[in-house]
PDB file of N, CA and C in Angstrom:
ATOM      1  N   GLY A   1      12.351-106.803 136.799  1.00  0.00           N
ATOM      2  CA  GLY A   1      11.609-107.917 136.159  1.00  0.00           C
ATOM      3  C   GLY A   1      10.878-108.917 137.182  1.00  0.00           C
ATOM      4  N   LYS A   2      10.399-109.884 136.545  1.00  0.00           N
ATOM      5  CA  LYS A   2       9.315-110.804 137.396  1.00  0.00           C
ATOM      6  C   LYS A   2      10.374-111.931 137.679  1.00  0.00           C
ATOM      7  N   ARG A   3      11.485-112.099 136.996  1.00  0.00           N
ATOM      8  CA  ARG A   3      12.286-113.327 137.184  1.00  0.00           C
ATOM      9  C   ARG A   3      12.999-113.180 138.546  1.00  0.00           C
ATOM     10  N   GLY A   4      13.132-114.348 139.246  1.00  0.00           N
ATOM     11  CA  GLY A   4      14.078-114.488 140.328  1.00  0.00           C
ATOM     12  C   GLY A   4      15.475-114.433 140.104  1.00  0.00           C
ATOM     13  N   ILE A   5      16.334-114.303 141.028  1.00  0.00           N
ATOM     14  CA  ILE A   5      17.918-114.143 140.865  1.00  0.00           C
ATOM     15  C   ILE A   5      18.174-115.595 141.542  1.00  0.00           C
ATOM     16  N   PRO A   6      18.748-116.465 140.645  1.00  0.00           N
ATOM     17  CA  PRO A   6      19.251-117.848 141.360  1.00  0.00           C
ATOM     18  C   PRO A   6      20.258-117.508 142.424  1.00  0.00           C
ATOM     19  N   TYR A   7      20.168-118.389 143.428  1.00  0.00           N
ATOM     20  CA  TYR A   7      21.111-118.445 144.395  1.00  0.00           C
ATOM     21  C   TYR A   7      21.140-117.145 145.308  1.00  0.00           C
ATOM     22  N   SER A   8      19.967-116.616 145.350  1.00  0.00           N
ATOM     23  CA  SER A   8      19.822-115.166 146.199  1.00  0.00           C
ATOM     24  C   SER A   8      18.501-115.262 146.805  1.00  0.00           C
ATOM     25  N   PRO A   9      18.285-114.511 147.879  1.00  0.00           N
ATOM     26  CA  PRO A   9      16.990-114.468 148.528  1.00  0.00           C
ATOM     27  C   PRO A   9      15.943-113.608 147.792  1.00  0.00           C
ATOM     28  N   TYR A  10      16.360-113.002 146.551  1.00  0.00           N
ATOM     29  CA  TYR A  10      15.345-112.317 145.882  1.00  0.00           C
ATOM     30  C   TYR A  10      14.537-113.136 145.004  1.00  0.00           C
ATOM     31  N   THR A  11      13.117-113.176 145.063  1.00  0.00           N
ATOM     32  CA  THR A  11      12.125-113.816 144.261  1.00  0.00           C
ATOM     33  C   THR A  11      11.693-112.914 142.997  1.00  0.00           C
ATOM     34  N   LYS A  12      11.987-111.766 142.978  1.00  0.00           N
ATOM     35  CA  LYS A  12      11.988-110.867 141.958  1.00  0.00           C
ATOM     36  C   LYS A  12      13.160-109.862 141.613  1.00  0.00           C
ATOM     37  N   GLN A  13      13.558-109.843 140.398  1.00  0.00           N
ATOM     38  CA  GLN A  13      14.668-108.882 140.095  1.00  0.00           C
ATOM     39  C   GLN A  13      14.303-107.579 140.629  1.00  0.00           C
ATOM     40  N   ALA A  14      13.290-106.962 140.452  1.00  0.00           N
ATOM     41  CA  ALA A  14      12.984-105.678 140.858  1.00  0.00           C
ATOM     42  C   ALA A  14      13.177-105.415 142.262  1.00  0.00           C
ATOM     43  N   GLY A  15      13.241-106.232 143.079  1.00  0.00           N
ATOM     44  CA  GLY A  15      13.411-106.066 144.691  1.00  0.00           C
ATOM     45  C   GLY A  15      15.040-106.059 144.898  1.00  0.00           C
ATOM     46  N   ALA A  16      15.830-106.463 144.019  1.00  0.00           N
ATOM     47  CA  ALA A  16      17.116-106.695 144.325  1.00  0.00           C
ATOM     48  C   ALA A  16      18.038-105.359 144.041  1.00  0.00           C
ATOM     49  N   PRO A  17      18.778-104.966 145.135  1.00  0.00           N
ATOM     50  CA  PRO A  17      19.615-103.674 144.862  1.00  0.00           C
ATOM     51  C   PRO A  17      20.533-103.602 143.624  1.00  0.00           C
ATOM     52  N   VAL A  18      21.003-104.918 143.283  1.00  0.00           N
ATOM     53  CA  VAL A  18      21.862-104.923 142.132  1.00  0.00           C
ATOM     54  C   VAL A  18      21.036-104.413 140.847  1.00  0.00           C
ATOM     55  N   THR A  19      19.746-104.800 140.710  1.00  0.00           N
ATOM     56  CA  THR A  19      18.945-104.521 139.623  1.00  0.00           C
ATOM     57  C   THR A  19      19.127-103.031 139.365  1.00  0.00           C
ATOM     58  N   HIS A  20      18.704-102.410 140.565  1.00  0.00           N
ATOM     59  CA  HIS A  20      18.710-100.802 140.548  1.00  0.00           C
ATOM     60  C   HIS A  20      20.033-100.378 140.112  1.00  0.00           C
ATOM     61  N   LEU A  21      21.220-100.852 140.623  1.00  0.00           N
ATOM     62  CA  LEU A  21      22.341-100.278 140.244  1.00  0.00           C
ATOM     63  C   LEU A  21      22.745-100.590 138.695  1.00  0.00           C
ATOM     64  N   THR A  22      22.352-101.675 138.213  1.00  0.00           N
ATOM     65  CA  THR A  22      22.497-102.141 136.745  1.00  0.00           C
ATOM     66  C   THR A  22      21.618-101.103 135.911  1.00  0.00           C
ATOM     67  N   VAL A  23      20.347-100.983 136.291  1.00  0.00           N
ATOM     68  CA  VAL A  23      19.597 -99.738 135.668  1.00  0.00           C
ATOM     69  C   VAL A  23      20.233 -98.513 135.449  1.00  0.00           C
ATOM     70  N   GLY A  24      20.798 -98.183 136.869  1.00  0.00           N
ATOM     71  CA  GLY A  24      21.417 -96.831 136.879  1.00  0.00           C
ATOM     72  C   GLY A  24      22.581 -96.707 136.158  1.00  0.00           C
ATOM     73  N   ARG A  25      23.538 -97.779 136.038  1.00  0.00           N
ATOM     74  CA  ARG A  25      24.728 -97.822 135.161  1.00  0.00           C
ATOM     75  C   ARG A  25      24.209 -97.560 133.633  1.00  0.00           C
ATOM     76  N   ALA A  26      23.264 -98.225 133.177  1.00  0.00           N
ATOM     77  CA  ALA A  26      22.835 -98.086 131.738  1.00  0.00           C
ATOM     78  C   ALA A  26      22.080 -96.644 131.643  1.00  0.00           C
ATOM     79  N   HIS A  27      21.430 -96.116 132.655  1.00  0.00           N
ATOM     80  CA  HIS A  27      20.658 -94.866 132.417  1.00  0.00           C
ATOM     81  C   HIS A  27      21.950 -93.687 132.421  1.00  0.00           C
ATOM     82  N   THR A  28      23.185 -93.967 133.216  1.00  0.00           N
ATOM     83  CA  THR A  28      24.093 -92.869 133.256  1.00  0.00           C
ATOM     84  C   THR A  28      24.973 -92.908 131.929  1.00  0.00           C
ATOM     85  N   ARG A  29      25.054 -94.123 131.311  1.00  0.00           N
ATOM     86  CA  ARG A  29      25.677 -94.136 129.868  1.00  0.00           C
ATOM     87  C   ARG A  29      24.837 -93.555 128.976  1.00  0.00           C
ATOM     88  N   ILE A  30      23.634 -93.765 129.008  1.00  0.00           N
ATOM     89  CA  ILE A  30      22.898 -93.007 128.131  1.00  0.00           C
ATOM     90  C   ILE A  30      22.811 -91.541 128.095  1.00  0.00           C
ATOM     91  N   ARG A  31      22.852 -91.012 129.608  1.00  0.00           N
ATOM     92  CA  ARG A  31      22.899 -89.721 129.566  1.00  0.00           C
ATOM     93  C   ARG A  31      24.131 -89.105 129.315  1.00  0.00           C
ATOM     94  N   ALA A  32      25.323 -89.804 129.512  1.00  0.00           N
ATOM     95  CA  ALA A  32      26.559 -89.221 129.030  1.00  0.00           C
ATOM     96  C   ALA A  32      26.593 -89.138 127.559  1.00  0.00           C
ATOM     97  N   ALA A  33      26.065 -90.227 126.978  1.00  0.00           N
ATOM     98  CA  ALA A  33      26.072 -90.176 125.274  1.00  0.00           C
ATOM     99  C   ALA A  33      25.161 -88.878 125.055  1.00  0.00           C
ATOM    100  N   GLY A  34      24.080 -88.689 125.685  1.00  0.00           N
ATOM    101  CA  GLY A  34      23.334 -87.564 125.323  1.00  0.00           C
ATOM    102  C   GLY A  34      23.849 -86.220 125.318  1.00  0.00           C
ATOM    103  N   ALA A  35      24.748 -86.180 126.456  1.00  0.00           N
ATOM    104  CA  ALA A  35      25.527 -84.781 126.454  1.00  0.00           C
ATOM    105  C   ALA A  35      26.641 -84.765 125.434  1.00  0.00           C
ATOM    106  N   VAL A  36      27.301 -85.928 125.108  1.00  0.00           N
ATOM    107  CA  VAL A  36      28.325 -85.720 123.951  1.00  0.00           C
ATOM    108  C   VAL A  36      27.337 -85.302 122.721  1.00  0.00           C
ATOM    109  N   ALA A  37      26.198 -85.916 122.421  1.00  0.00           N
ATOM    110  CA  ALA A  37      25.559 -85.740 121.168  1.00  0.00           C
ATOM    111  C   ALA A  37      25.061 -84.106 121.320  1.00  0.00           C
ATOM    112  N   ASP A  38      24.592 -83.673 122.370  1.00  0.00           N
ATOM    113  CA  ASP A  38      24.225 -82.416 122.626  1.00  0.00           C
ATOM    114  C   ASP A  38      25.265 -81.411 122.253  1.00  0.00           C
ATOM    115  N   ALA A  39      26.337 -81.735 122.670  1.00  0.00           N
ATOM    116  CA  ALA A  39      27.661 -80.700 122.449  1.00  0.00           C
ATOM    117  C   ALA A  39      28.026 -80.885 120.729  1.00  0.00           C
ATOM    118  N   ALA A  40      27.880 -82.026 120.209  1.00  0.00           N
ATOM    119  CA  ALA A  40      28.292 -82.077 118.913  1.00  0.00           C
ATOM    120  C   ALA A  40      27.280 -81.343 118.231  1.00  0.00           C
ATOM    121  N   VAL A  41      26.093 -81.498 118.423  1.00  0.00           N
ATOM    122  CA  VAL A  41      25.052 -80.875 117.577  1.00  0.00           C
ATOM    123  C   VAL A  41      24.917 -79.351 117.814  1.00  0.00           C
ATOM    124  N   ALA A  42      25.447 -79.020 118.951  1.00  0.00           N
ATOM    125  CA  ALA A  42      25.531 -77.384 119.370  1.00  0.00           C
ATOM    126  C   ALA A  42      26.697 -76.926 118.396  1.00  0.00           C
ATOM    127  N   PHE A  43      27.829 -77.642 118.386  1.00  0.00           N
ATOM    128  CA  PHE A  43      29.088 -77.108 117.561  1.00  0.00           C
ATOM    129  C   PHE A  43      28.652 -77.122 116.047  1.00  0.00           C
ATOM    130  N   LEU A  44      27.782 -78.166 115.547  1.00  0.00           N
ATOM    131  CA  LEU A  44      27.422 -78.029 114.125  1.00  0.00           C
ATOM    132  C   LEU A  44      26.520 -76.987 113.914  1.00  0.00           C
ATOM    133  N   ASP A  45      25.568 -76.560 114.877  1.00  0.00           N
ATOM    134  CA  ASP A  45      24.685 -75.464 114.637  1.00  0.00           C
ATOM    135  C   ASP A  45      25.376 -74.157 114.627  1.00  0.00           C
ATOM    136  N   ARG A  46      26.507 -73.993 115.506  1.00  0.00           N
ATOM    137  CA  ARG A  46      27.430 -72.959 115.386  1.00  0.00           C
ATOM    138  C   ARG A  46      28.153 -72.728 114.057  1.00  0.00           C
ATOM    139  N   CYS A  47      28.523 -73.731 113.603  1.00  0.00           N
ATOM    140  CA  CYS A  47      29.367 -73.870 112.173  1.00  0.00           C
ATOM    141  C   CYS A  47      28.215 -73.281 111.159  1.00  0.00           C
ATOM    142  N   GLU A  48      27.077 -73.744 111.308  1.00  0.00           N
ATOM    143  CA  GLU A  48      26.059 -73.437 110.100  1.00  0.00           C
ATOM    144  C   GLU A  48      25.788 -71.775 110.340  1.00  0.00           C
ATOM    145  N   ALA A  49      25.678 -71.444 111.789  1.00  0.00           N
ATOM    146  CA  ALA A  49      25.330 -70.035 111.764  1.00  0.00           C
ATOM    147  C   ALA A  49      26.337 -69.185 111.614  1.00  0.00           C
ATOM    148  N   GLU A  50      27.574 -69.603 111.607  1.00  0.00           N
ATOM    149  CA  GLU A  50      28.813 -68.758 111.091  1.00  0.00           C
ATOM    150  C   GLU A  50      29.165 -69.037 109.659  1.00  0.00           C
ATOM    151  N   GLU A  51      28.255 -70.077 109.067  1.00  0.00           N
ATOM    152  CA  GLU A  51      28.474 -70.404 107.640  1.00  0.00           C
ATOM    153  C   GLU A  51      29.947 -70.807 107.424  1.00  0.00           C
ATOM    154  N   LYS A  52      30.527 -71.637 108.220  1.00  0.00           N
ATOM    155  CA  LYS A  52      31.830 -72.099 108.015  1.00  0.00           C
ATOM    156  C   LYS A  52      31.707 -73.769 108.098  1.00  0.00           C
ATOM    157  N   ASP A  53      32.712 -74.455 107.385  1.00  0.00           N
ATOM    158  CA  ASP A  53      32.905 -75.750 107.678  1.00  0.00           C
ATOM    159  C   ASP A  53      33.832 -76.170 108.732  1.00  0.00           C
ATOM    160  N   PRO A  54      33.513 -77.201 109.565  1.00  0.00           N
ATOM    161  CA  PRO A  54      34.482 -77.775 110.438  1.00  0.00           C
ATOM    162  C   PRO A  54      35.818 -77.940 109.754  1.00  0.00           C
ATOM    163  N   SER A  55      36.940 -77.616 110.574  1.00  0.00           N
ATOM    164  CA  SER A  55      38.172 -78.107 110.175  1.00  0.00           C
ATOM    165  C   SER A  55      38.234 -79.562 110.183  1.00  0.00           C
ATOM    166  N   ALA A  56      39.549 -79.984 109.689  1.00  0.00           N
ATOM    167  CA  ALA A  56      39.861 -81.394 109.718  1.00  0.00           C
ATOM    168  C   ALA A  56      39.834 -82.003 111.132  1.00  0.00           C
ATOM    169  N   HIS A  57      40.434 -81.207 112.080  1.00  0.00           N
ATOM    170  CA  HIS A  57      40.651 -81.550 113.342  1.00  0.00           C
ATOM    171  C   HIS A  57      39.201 -81.764 114.097  1.00  0.00           C
ATOM    172  N   GLU A  58      38.340 -80.659 113.910  1.00  0.00           N
ATOM    173  CA  GLU A  58      36.964 -80.757 114.230  1.00  0.00           C
ATOM    174  C   GLU A  58      36.050 -81.927 113.713  1.00  0.00           C
ATOM    175  N   THR A  59      36.387 -82.174 112.455  1.00  0.00           N
ATOM    176  CA  THR A  59      35.637 -83.150 111.920  1.00  0.00           C
ATOM    177  C   THR A  59      36.065 -84.615 112.390  1.00  0.00           C
ATOM    178  N   LEU A  60      37.422 -84.751 112.815  1.00  0.00           N
ATOM    179  CA  LEU A  60      37.855 -85.845 113.392  1.00  0.00           C
ATOM    180  C   LEU A  60      37.183 -85.972 114.740  1.00  0.00           C
ATOM    181  N   GLN A  61      37.166 -84.841 115.394  1.00  0.00           N
ATOM    182  CA  GLN A  61      36.542 -84.851 116.831  1.00  0.00           C
ATOM    183  C   GLN A  61      35.182 -85.394 116.846  1.00  0.00           C
ATOM    184  N   LEU A  62      34.314 -84.912 115.800  1.00  0.00           N
ATOM    185  CA  LEU A  62      32.983 -85.274 115.544  1.00  0.00           C
ATOM    186  C   LEU A  62      32.802 -86.724 115.510  1.00  0.00           C
ATOM    187  N   HIS A  63      33.783 -87.206 114.623  1.00  0.00           N
ATOM    188  CA  HIS A  63      33.734 -88.846 114.302  1.00  0.00           C
ATOM    189  C   HIS A  63      33.968 -89.394 115.632  1.00  0.00           C
ATOM    190  N   ALA A  64      34.763 -89.003 116.393  1.00  0.00           N
ATOM    191  CA  ALA A  64      35.172 -89.587 117.587  1.00  0.00           C
ATOM    192  C   ALA A  64      34.045 -89.363 118.507  1.00  0.00           C
ATOM    193  N   ASP A  65      33.428 -88.380 118.571  1.00  0.00           N
ATOM    194  CA  ASP A  65      32.275 -88.073 119.382  1.00  0.00           C
ATOM    195  C   ASP A  65      31.096 -89.226 119.069  1.00  0.00           C
ATOM    196  N   VAL A  66      30.888 -89.503 117.787  1.00  0.00           N
ATOM    197  CA  VAL A  66      29.992 -90.268 117.375  1.00  0.00           C
ATOM    198  C   VAL A  66      30.306 -91.810 117.707  1.00  0.00           C
ATOM    199  N   ALA A  67      31.648 -92.082 117.672  1.00  0.00           N
ATOM    200  CA  ALA A  67      32.068 -93.411 118.175  1.00  0.00           C
ATOM    201  C   ALA A  67      31.762 -93.584 119.490  1.00  0.00           C
ATOM    202  N   CYS A  68      32.032 -92.498 120.257  1.00  0.00           N
ATOM    203  CA  CYS A  68      31.752 -92.589 121.785  1.00  0.00           C
ATOM    204  C   CYS A  68      30.231 -92.904 122.171  1.00  0.00           C
ATOM    205  N   ILE A  69      29.506 -92.070 121.374  1.00  0.00           N
ATOM    206  CA  ILE A  69      27.993 -92.211 121.680  1.00  0.00           C
ATOM    207  C   ILE A  69      27.468 -93.487 121.310  1.00  0.00           C
ATOM    208  N   TRP A  70      27.990 -94.092 120.138  1.00  0.00           N
ATOM    209  CA  TRP A  70      27.582 -95.445 119.685  1.00  0.00           C
ATOM    210  C   TRP A  70      27.978 -96.468 120.759  1.00  0.00           C
ATOM    211  N   ASP A  71      29.263 -96.301 121.312  1.00  0.00           N
ATOM    212  CA  ASP A  71      29.798 -97.233 122.105  1.00  0.00           C
ATOM    213  C   ASP A  71      29.020 -97.117 123.593  1.00  0.00           C
ATOM    214  N   ALA A  72      28.719 -95.956 124.099  1.00  0.00           N
ATOM    215  CA  ALA A  72      28.005 -95.885 125.357  1.00  0.00           C
ATOM    216  C   ALA A  72      26.641 -96.366 125.186  1.00  0.00           C
ATOM    217  N   CYS A  73      25.941 -96.158 124.081  1.00  0.00           N
ATOM    218  CA  CYS A  73      24.500 -96.704 124.076  1.00  0.00           C
ATOM    219  C   CYS A  73      24.638 -98.319 123.866  1.00  0.00           C
ATOM    220  N   ALA A  74      25.601 -98.787 123.134  1.00  0.00           N
ATOM    221  CA  ALA A  74      25.597-100.220 122.872  1.00  0.00           C
ATOM    222  C   ALA A  74      25.891-100.713 124.244  1.00  0.00           C
ATOM    223  N   ALA A  75      26.758-100.063 125.011  1.00  0.00           N
ATOM    224  CA  ALA A  75      27.112-100.691 126.330  1.00  0.00           C
ATOM    225  C   ALA A  75      25.802-100.821 127.236  1.00  0.00           C
ATOM    226  N   ALA A  76      25.113 -99.639 127.212  1.00  0.00           N
ATOM    227  CA  ALA A  76      23.877 -99.582 127.902  1.00  0.00           C
ATOM    228  C   ALA A  76      22.948-100.682 127.680  1.00  0.00           C
ATOM    229  N   VAL A  77      22.689-100.946 126.345  1.00  0.00           N
ATOM    230  CA  VAL A  77      21.826-101.949 126.074  1.00  0.00           C
ATOM    231  C   VAL A  77      22.227-103.182 126.425  1.00  0.00           C
ATOM    232  N   GLU A  78      23.678-103.582 126.296  1.00  0.00           N
ATOM    233  CA  GLU A  78      24.199-104.669 126.714  1.00  0.00           C
ATOM    234  C   GLU A  78      23.944-105.044 128.237  1.00  0.00           C
ATOM    235  N   THR A  79      24.242-104.058 128.938  1.00  0.00           N
ATOM    236  CA  THR A  79      24.035-103.925 130.306  1.00  0.00           C
ATOM    237  C   THR A  79      22.691-104.491 130.608  1.00  0.00           C
ATOM    238  N   LEU A  80      21.639-103.644 130.017  1.00  0.00           N
ATOM    239  CA  LEU A  80      20.130-104.204 130.428  1.00  0.00           C
ATOM    240  C   LEU A  80      19.959-105.572 129.854  1.00  0.00           C
ATOM    241  N   PHE A  81      20.438-105.932 128.666  1.00  0.00           N
ATOM    242  CA  PHE A  81      20.132-107.206 128.136  1.00  0.00           C
ATOM    243  C   PHE A  81      20.671-108.408 129.001  1.00  0.00           C
ATOM    244  N   ALA A  82      21.786-108.159 129.617  1.00  0.00           N
ATOM    245  CA  ALA A  82      22.535-109.069 130.288  1.00  0.00           C
ATOM    246  C   ALA A  82      22.008-109.238 131.860  1.00  0.00           C
ATOM    247  N   ALA A  83      21.008-108.206 132.257  1.00  0.00           N
ATOM    248  CA  ALA A  83      20.576-108.110 133.603  1.00  0.00           C
ATOM    249  C   ALA A  83      19.557-109.271 133.918  1.00  0.00           C
TER     250      ALA A  83
END
């Protein structure tokens, strides 16, 4: 960004190494969430192709995956918002 970082020698956030680390952390969280989402969708596609419903355990795992995706994306947004 164009804002400076108080109490540091950086007049622009974009020039500060910590900014790049922060963006990288958010990017990694989003990529991880994407990988979990891709795996969940692939599993559901297999279930559809095999014309079977997920078991209770598999359904629970899908719910946990969605919670993980939600949490990772929310954390990424918070990381960028706080930067």
